[in-house]
Amino acid sequence: MTIGFRIAERTQKVDLATIDKFRTIPVANVSDVMSRMTAGGPGLRPMHASGQMSGAAFTVKTRPGDNLMIHKALLMAGPGDVIVVDAGGDLTNALVGEMMLSHAMQIGVTGVVINGAVRDYGWIKAGTFPVFAAGITHRGPYKDGPGEINVPIAFGGMVINPGDLMIGDDDGLLCVPYGTTEEIYTQAKAKNEAEARTVANTLAGKLDPKLWVDESLRKLGCEGL
């Protein structure tokens, strides 16, 4: 296959049970247990009104301003997938809008991520179908290629392999590598539950914030302050 016009099948992908479990965990908790070393880039923000995204990464790499391979992805993707597009972050041309996103919803795709621009923002922001993008423009795309499907992509310092778990909420995006989902879920669930207890104690007036502040200072040799 010619580089720039490759269409591959995924050899592995997270299952629907895993996808469903991660919908109950805030992205921030998952990020924390991954040592806060990975993020989808602050420029990629939720465009929809609300709603948590979780799904198996169906990756697309395309040249800026061209959505030929995104159309092909919509013919290949299915229930539980998140279509994740690296278009270089260019905002000159929108790569998807209401028509393509409606198609994605109809086939069971659980979200769309565009490292580039979208249009029909009024329609997107009125709904709960997860759409993350770098910006908005009315100018439409070209359909010439090149582009590649189900190849590793990266943006914002985050590497995404086909079949990895892709999650997102109001705080942004995160990719959980395929082979780590069970371990990460267990740790993130425990952190989420611990934070819920902390908030409950705080609201009940039972938390002394000095407990963790003093411990941190003690480790730095600042005892007695």
Foldseek 3Di string as FASTA:
>chain_A
DDPLAAEDDDPAADDPVLQVLCQVFDPVLLCVVVVVPDFQAPLWFWLAQFGKFKAFEWEKEWEAQAQQVVVVVLVPDAARYEYEYEHPLEAPAAREEDVSVVSCVVRHHQEYEYSYEHEPSVVRHHHHRTYIYNYYDPHHGHHDTRMYIQQWDDDPRHIHGGNWMWIAGRVHIDTHGPVCSVVSSVSSVVVVVVVVVVVVCVVVVNDDVVVVVQVVCVVVVNPPD
